[in-house]
Protein backbone atom coordinates (compact mmCIF):
# COMPACT_ATOMS: atom_id res chain seq x y z
CA MET A 1 -3.26 7.58 -0.90
CA ALA A 2 -0.10 9.69 -0.83
CA THR A 3 3.53 8.63 -1.12
CA VAL A 4 6.21 10.82 0.43
CA GLY A 5 9.96 10.24 0.36
CA SER A 6 13.19 11.08 -1.40
CA SER A 7 13.78 10.15 -5.03
CA GLY A 8 15.28 6.73 -5.66
CA LEU A 9 13.36 4.93 -2.90
CA GLY A 10 11.01 3.20 -5.35
CA LYS A 11 7.74 5.03 -4.69
CA SER A 12 6.47 4.80 -8.27
CA THR A 13 7.65 1.21 -8.60
CA PHE A 14 5.86 0.33 -5.37
CA ILE A 15 2.57 1.79 -6.65
CA ASN A 16 2.92 -0.14 -9.93
CA THR A 17 3.68 -3.32 -7.99
CA LEU A 18 0.82 -2.78 -5.54
CA PHE A 19 -1.82 -2.42 -8.25
CA SER A 20 -0.25 -4.30 -11.15
CA THR A 21 -3.17 -6.74 -11.50
CA LEU A 22 -5.89 -4.32 -10.45
CA LEU A 23 -5.45 -1.06 -12.34
CA LYS A 24 -8.02 -0.20 -14.99
CA ASP A 25 -8.15 2.87 -17.22
CA TYR A 26 -4.90 4.17 -15.74
CA LYS A 27 -4.42 7.89 -16.54
CA GLN A 28 -0.95 8.60 -17.90
CA GLN A 29 -1.41 12.36 -17.68
CA PRO A 30 -1.31 13.27 -14.00
CA LYS A 31 -2.84 16.45 -12.67
CA ARG A 32 0.02 18.41 -11.13
CA VAL A 33 -0.64 20.89 -8.36
CA HIS A 34 2.24 23.39 -8.52
CA ASP A 35 3.30 25.44 -5.57
CA GLN A 36 3.38 29.11 -6.35
CA ILE A 37 6.67 30.61 -5.26
CA GLU A 38 10.13 29.11 -5.70
CA ARG A 39 9.53 25.74 -4.11
CA THR A 40 11.05 22.57 -5.48
CA VAL A 41 8.38 20.12 -4.25
CA SER A 42 5.31 19.60 -6.41
CA ILE A 43 2.23 17.41 -6.04
CA ASP A 44 1.29 14.85 -8.70
CA VAL A 45 -2.26 13.49 -8.63
CA VAL A 46 -3.07 10.33 -10.61
CA ARG A 47 -6.51 8.74 -10.62
CA ALA A 48 -7.39 5.15 -11.49
CA ASP A 49 -10.21 2.67 -10.99
CA ILE A 50 -9.21 -0.60 -9.34
CA GLU A 51 -11.14 -3.81 -8.85
CA GLU A 52 -10.57 -5.90 -5.73
CA LYS A 53 -12.42 -9.23 -5.77
CA GLY A 54 -15.45 -7.75 -7.51
CA PHE A 55 -15.46 -4.46 -5.57
CA ASN A 56 -14.81 -1.33 -7.62
CA VAL A 57 -12.75 1.35 -5.88
CA ARG A 58 -11.76 4.77 -7.20
CA LEU A 59 -8.12 5.29 -6.32
CA THR A 60 -6.24 8.57 -6.19
CA VAL A 61 -2.45 8.35 -5.85
CA ILE A 62 -0.62 11.50 -4.79
CA ASP A 63 3.14 11.66 -5.32
CA THR A 64 5.60 14.32 -4.15
CA PRO A 65 8.45 14.63 -6.69
CA GLY A 66 11.35 16.74 -5.50
CA PHE A 67 10.85 16.04 -1.81
CA GLY A 68 14.12 15.80 0.15
CA ASP A 69 16.29 15.88 -2.97
CA TYR A 70 18.30 19.01 -2.24
CA MET A 71 21.13 20.08 0.02
CA ASN A 72 18.82 22.45 1.88
CA ASN A 73 15.53 20.68 2.59
CA GLN A 74 14.25 23.21 5.09
CA ASP A 75 10.46 23.47 4.92
CA CYS A 76 10.33 21.01 2.00
CA TRP A 77 7.28 19.44 3.64
CA VAL A 78 5.27 22.69 3.55
CA PRO A 79 3.71 22.11 0.08
CA ILE A 80 2.62 18.64 1.20
CA VAL A 81 1.09 19.89 4.45
CA GLU A 82 -0.61 22.75 2.61
CA PHE A 83 -2.05 20.28 0.10
CA LEU A 84 -3.47 18.10 2.88
CA ASP A 85 -5.03 21.11 4.62
CA GLU A 86 -6.38 22.44 1.34
CA GLN A 87 -8.25 19.20 0.67
CA HIS A 88 -9.87 19.35 4.12
CA LEU A 89 -10.82 22.98 3.52
CA THR A 90 -12.32 22.22 0.09
CA TYR A 91 -14.39 19.40 1.56
CA MET A 92 -15.44 21.58 4.50
CA LYS A 93 -16.68 24.34 2.18
CA ALA A 94 -18.63 21.83 0.11
CA GLU A 95 -20.11 20.37 3.28
CA GLN A 96 -21.16 23.78 4.59
CA SER A 97 -22.91 24.55 1.31
CA HIS A 98 -24.50 21.07 1.44
CA LYS A 99 -22.96 20.16 -1.92
CA ARG A 100 -21.44 16.72 -2.23
CA LEU A 101 -18.50 16.77 -4.61
CA GLU A 102 -17.45 13.15 -4.12
CA ALA A 103 -15.58 12.97 -7.45
CA ASP A 104 -13.34 15.86 -6.45
CA ASP A 105 -12.72 14.73 -2.86
CA LEU A 106 -8.92 14.53 -2.67
CA ARG A 107 -8.63 14.04 1.08
CA VAL A 108 -5.79 11.62 1.74
CA HIS A 109 -6.80 8.47 3.62
CA ALA A 110 -3.32 6.94 3.88
CA CYS A 111 0.14 8.48 3.59
CA LEU A 112 3.09 6.15 3.05
CA TYR A 113 6.32 7.74 4.23
CA PHE A 114 9.33 6.05 2.62
CA ILE A 115 12.35 5.69 4.91
CA GLN A 116 15.89 5.28 3.61
CA PRO A 117 17.21 1.80 4.64
CA SER A 118 20.30 3.26 6.28
CA GLY A 119 20.38 0.72 9.10
CA HIS A 120 20.85 3.51 11.66
CA THR A 121 17.75 5.50 12.63
CA LEU A 122 15.48 8.29 11.38
CA THR A 123 17.01 11.52 10.12
CA SER A 124 16.00 14.89 11.52
CA LEU A 125 14.08 15.48 8.26
CA ASP A 126 12.20 12.19 8.69
CA ILE A 127 11.23 13.13 12.23
CA GLU A 128 10.01 16.63 11.41
CA VAL A 129 8.04 15.57 8.33
CA MET A 130 6.35 12.63 10.07
CA LYS A 131 5.42 14.84 13.03
CA GLN A 132 3.72 17.23 10.61
CA LEU A 133 2.01 14.47 8.63
CA GLY A 134 0.89 12.39 11.61
CA THR A 135 -1.44 15.15 12.85
CA ARG A 136 -3.16 15.45 9.47
CA VAL A 137 -3.35 12.02 7.88
CA ASN A 138 -3.14 8.28 8.59
CA LEU A 139 0.66 8.01 8.55
CA ILE A 140 2.16 4.65 7.58
CA PRO A 141 6.00 4.54 7.66
CA VAL A 142 7.62 2.05 5.28
CA ILE A 143 11.26 1.06 4.93
CA ALA A 144 12.17 1.14 1.26
CA LYS A 145 14.39 -1.41 -0.50
CA GLY A 146 13.98 -4.04 2.19
CA ASP A 147 16.28 -6.41 0.30
CA THR A 148 19.33 -4.25 1.09
CA LEU A 149 19.41 -5.31 4.76
CA THR A 150 19.75 -8.76 6.32
CA LYS A 151 16.91 -10.07 8.49
CA GLU A 152 18.84 -9.31 11.66
CA ASP A 153 19.79 -5.80 10.53
CA MET A 154 16.23 -5.08 9.40
CA LYS A 155 14.80 -6.18 12.75
CA ALA A 156 17.26 -3.96 14.63
CA PHE A 157 16.58 -1.04 12.27
CA LYS A 158 12.82 -1.39 12.75
CA ASN A 159 13.25 -1.29 16.53
CA ARG A 160 15.36 1.87 16.32
CA VAL A 161 12.82 3.52 14.02
CA LEU A 162 9.96 2.63 16.39
CA ASP A 163 11.92 3.91 19.39
CA CYS A 164 12.50 7.18 17.56
CA ILE A 165 8.83 7.47 16.56
CA ASN A 166 7.71 6.91 20.15
CA ALA A 167 10.35 9.23 21.61
CA HIS A 168 9.24 12.12 19.39
CA GLY A 169 5.52 11.50 19.84
CA ILE A 170 4.88 10.86 16.15
CA ASN A 171 1.29 9.80 15.47
CA MET A 172 1.52 6.62 13.38
CA TYR A 173 -1.58 4.79 12.14
CA THR A 174 -2.25 1.53 13.95
CA PRO A 175 -5.07 -0.80 12.81
CA PRO A 176 -7.73 -1.43 15.47
CA LEU A 177 -8.32 -4.82 17.07
CA ASP A 178 -11.93 -5.87 16.49
CA GLY A 179 -11.95 -9.38 17.94
CA ASP A 180 -12.55 -11.35 14.74
CA ASP A 181 -9.22 -10.74 13.02
CA ASP A 182 -6.99 -10.19 16.04
CA ASP A 183 -4.32 -12.67 14.91
CA ASP A 184 -3.98 -11.09 11.47
CA THR A 185 -4.09 -7.59 12.94
CA HIS A 186 -1.43 -8.44 15.53
CA ALA A 187 0.79 -9.76 12.73
CA ILE A 188 0.34 -6.49 10.82
CA ILE A 189 1.07 -4.36 13.89
CA GLU A 190 4.17 -6.39 14.76
CA ALA A 191 5.51 -5.90 11.23
CA MET A 192 5.32 -2.09 11.41
CA PRO A 193 7.14 -0.16 10.09
CA PHE A 194 6.78 -2.31 7.00
CA SER A 195 9.86 -3.30 5.02
CA ILE A 196 9.00 -3.47 1.34
CA ILE A 197 10.47 -4.68 -1.93
CA ALA A 198 9.07 -3.42 -5.22
CA SER A 199 9.75 -4.59 -8.75
CA ASP A 200 8.20 -4.15 -12.20
CA ASN A 201 9.90 -7.34 -13.37
CA GLU A 202 9.03 -11.01 -13.11
CA VAL A 203 11.66 -13.65 -12.42
CA THR A 204 11.47 -17.43 -12.42
CA VAL A 205 11.63 -19.23 -9.06
CA ASN A 206 11.17 -23.02 -8.98
CA GLY A 207 9.54 -22.91 -12.39
CA GLN A 208 7.08 -20.16 -11.45
CA LYS A 209 6.99 -16.50 -12.47
CA VAL A 210 7.05 -14.15 -9.48
CA ARG A 211 7.66 -10.45 -9.00
CA GLY A 212 11.06 -9.88 -7.51
CA ARG A 213 14.65 -8.80 -7.87
CA GLU A 214 17.33 -11.21 -9.02
CA TYR A 215 20.81 -11.16 -7.49
CA LEU A 216 23.87 -13.39 -7.65
CA TRP A 217 22.87 -14.90 -4.30
CA GLY A 218 19.26 -15.56 -5.31
CA VAL A 219 15.91 -13.80 -5.71
CA ALA A 220 14.23 -11.31 -3.37
CA GLU A 221 10.51 -11.99 -3.87
CA VAL A 222 8.00 -9.17 -3.45
CA GLU A 223 5.21 -11.37 -2.06
CA ASN A 224 7.35 -13.73 0.01
CA GLU A 225 6.69 -12.86 3.65
CA GLN A 226 10.09 -14.28 4.57
CA HIS A 227 11.67 -11.54 2.45
CA CYS A 228 9.55 -8.44 3.21
CA ASP A 229 6.21 -7.12 4.49
CA PHE A 230 4.68 -6.21 1.13
CA LYS A 231 1.69 -8.56 1.49
CA LYS A 232 0.86 -7.28 4.97
CA LEU A 233 0.97 -3.68 3.78
CA ARG A 234 -1.18 -4.50 0.75
CA ASN A 235 -3.73 -6.24 2.95
CA LEU A 236 -3.88 -3.25 5.28
CA LEU A 237 -4.36 -0.75 2.44
CA ILE A 238 -6.72 -2.63 0.14
CA ARG A 239 -8.40 -5.42 2.06
CA THR A 240 -8.65 -5.50 5.83
CA ASN A 241 -8.36 -1.82 6.82
CA MET A 242 -9.52 0.24 3.86
CA TYR A 243 -12.78 1.16 5.59
CA ASP A 244 -11.03 2.06 8.84
CA LEU A 245 -8.56 4.32 7.01
CA ILE A 246 -11.44 6.18 5.39
CA SER A 247 -13.52 6.46 8.57
CA ASN A 248 -10.51 7.51 10.66
CA THR A 249 -9.82 10.29 8.16
CA GLU A 250 -13.42 11.47 8.42
CA GLU A 251 -13.94 11.10 12.16
CA ASN A 252 -10.52 12.17 13.43
CA HIS A 253 -8.24 14.03 11.02
CA TYR A 254 -10.97 15.92 9.18
CA GLU A 255 -12.87 16.64 12.40
CA ASP A 256 -9.68 17.97 14.03
CA TYR A 257 -9.05 20.28 11.09
CA ARG A 258 -12.68 21.43 10.97
CA MET A 259 -12.82 22.25 14.67
CA LYS A 260 -9.51 24.14 14.55
CA ARG A 261 -10.77 26.09 11.56
CA LEU A 262 -14.06 26.96 13.25
CA THR A 263 -12.29 27.93 16.48
CA ALA A 264 -9.84 30.16 14.61
CA SER A 265 -12.76 31.83 12.81
CA GLY A 266 -14.70 32.33 16.05
CA LEU A 267 -17.60 30.22 14.76
CA SER A 268 -19.63 27.57 16.54
CA ASP A 269 -20.33 24.04 15.43
CA ASP A 270 -24.03 24.52 14.74
CA ASP A 271 -24.35 22.92 11.31
CA PRO A 272 -27.50 20.75 11.54
CA VAL A 273 -26.29 18.40 8.82
CA ARG A 274 -22.98 17.84 10.60
CA ASN A 275 -24.72 17.40 13.95
CA ALA A 276 -27.03 14.83 12.41
CA GLN A 277 -24.02 12.96 11.08
CA LYS A 278 -22.34 13.04 14.47
CA ASN A 279 -25.50 11.59 16.02
CA MET A 280 -25.55 8.69 13.60
CA SER A 281 -27.51 5.78 15.02
CA ALA A 282 -25.79 2.74 16.47
CA LYS A 283 -27.68 0.63 13.94
CA MET A 284 -26.01 2.40 11.02
CA LYS A 285 -22.62 1.94 12.66
CA GLU A 286 -23.33 -1.77 13.03
CA ASP A 287 -24.39 -1.99 9.38
CA GLU A 288 -21.17 -0.34 8.25
CA GLU A 289 -19.08 -2.68 10.40
CA ALA A 290 -21.01 -5.69 9.08
CA LEU A 291 -20.35 -4.53 5.51
CA ARG A 292 -16.63 -4.22 6.23
CA LYS A 293 -16.50 -7.70 7.74
CA ARG A 294 -18.48 -9.14 4.83
CA PHE A 295 -16.04 -7.56 2.39
CA THR A 296 -13.06 -8.99 4.29
CA GLU A 297 -14.65 -12.45 4.43
CA GLN A 298 -15.43 -12.42 0.72
CA VAL A 299 -11.83 -11.50 -0.04
CA ARG A 300 -10.61 -14.39 2.12
CA LEU A 301 -12.95 -16.87 0.44
CA GLU A 302 -11.90 -15.71 -3.01
CA GLU A 303 -8.23 -15.98 -2.07
CA ALA A 304 -8.76 -19.51 -0.72
CA ARG A 305 -10.59 -20.47 -3.91
CA PHE A 306 -7.80 -19.02 -6.02
CA ARG A 307 -5.13 -20.86 -4.02
CA LYS A 308 -6.99 -24.14 -4.46
CA TRP A 309 -7.36 -23.50 -8.18
CA GLU A 310 -3.66 -22.64 -8.40
CA GLN A 311 -2.70 -25.85 -6.58
CA ASN A 312 -4.88 -27.91 -8.91
CA LEU A 313 -3.35 -26.18 -11.89
CA ILE A 314 0.17 -26.91 -10.64
CA ALA A 315 -0.75 -30.56 -10.01
CA GLU A 316 -2.20 -30.86 -13.52
CA ARG A 317 0.90 -29.24 -14.99
CA ASP A 318 3.14 -31.69 -13.12
CA ARG A 319 1.02 -34.61 -14.33
CA LEU A 320 1.21 -33.46 -17.95
CA ASN A 321 4.96 -32.91 -17.67
CA LYS A 322 5.35 -36.43 -16.28
CA ASP A 323 3.25 -37.88 -19.13
CA LEU A 324 5.31 -35.90 -21.62
CA GLU A 325 8.54 -37.24 -20.15
CA GLU A 326 7.20 -40.80 -20.36
CA HIS A 327 6.22 -40.31 -24.01
CA HIS A 328 9.64 -38.86 -24.76
CA LYS A 329 11.19 -41.92 -23.12
CA MET A 330 8.97 -44.26 -25.17
CA VAL A 331 9.93 -42.46 -28.37
CA LYS A 332 13.60 -42.65 -27.43
CA ASP A 333 13.29 -46.38 -26.67
CA LEU A 334 11.59 -46.98 -30.02
CA GLU A 335 14.31 -45.03 -31.81
CA ASN A 336 16.92 -47.20 -30.08
CA ASP A 337 15.04 -50.37 -31.11
CA VAL A 338 14.89 -49.18 -34.71
CA GLU A 339 18.61 -48.40 -34.71
CA GLU A 340 19.37 -51.86 -33.29
CA LEU A 341 17.21 -53.57 -35.97
CA GLN A 342 18.85 -51.55 -38.72
CA ALA A 343 22.28 -52.44 -37.39
CA ALA A 344 21.35 -56.15 -37.23
CA ASN A 345 20.14 -56.18 -40.87
CA ARG A 346 23.33 -54.67 -42.26
């Protein structure tokens, strides 16, 4: 997963918020891929293992410090585009030599492009960068700092951003409708581009600790769907559409790059291994889809079980608090009785 956007839009905070309860063995020494000549944009690669409801996933987060931070941002996207192409090329060479280097596969399956919450529309830089990214990776635009706009302003801003994306022919990732989860998928699609709030801090709301940002007027909660689309984006990335993001990268973006590379080299697509993969049986496709659905269903069941456990825990807490209040009242009444007896005996 890659994050692209200007400094100050909360990219690092978003990643920490997204995986705060899932990260294991987090590497604090990122591998930085420097561009060679005098470019200001670099690529940071951080790997981590995450666990999602019993499923272990190796995560690679790619950040782009320096992007869009200067007066002249001409061609600032070039190092990012070159990095994406380089990962396809590395994988292609390994594939042609029939060597599987899964641990070093840095192909990007999802690219989050962070948009400044200006309330107006996309900038010319936004448009050019997203046009370049959309042809190479599953592009997911997100509106940063969603708590800086009112609901009405955010809705209007989203519409203007979508109009601009459509007008310029930008290829934005859209989750497929598969029949079983159409309602959830429709809700995700309608929320795009996602407005997000990120926070490393916990605040207290109605006696409960939640991630959010505290203001004089109240609290903007990260996981409150009335406040932002964080939960929908997290579900798309980690739960409902992880498999589709990976397969779309393999079957579309990587295939497009591979064919362009072969055409430019004057070579034909006669790799027997690749042809065998392209002729994968319908049964295998069905098995993969069944696995994805089973994963999604297990996540839903676990979430339902957790919610029930949480509700029971809250009910038990309320009961204990009530008992404690009653005992405090009894103690207070006894203290009053003792004081009255002492006063009467004086």
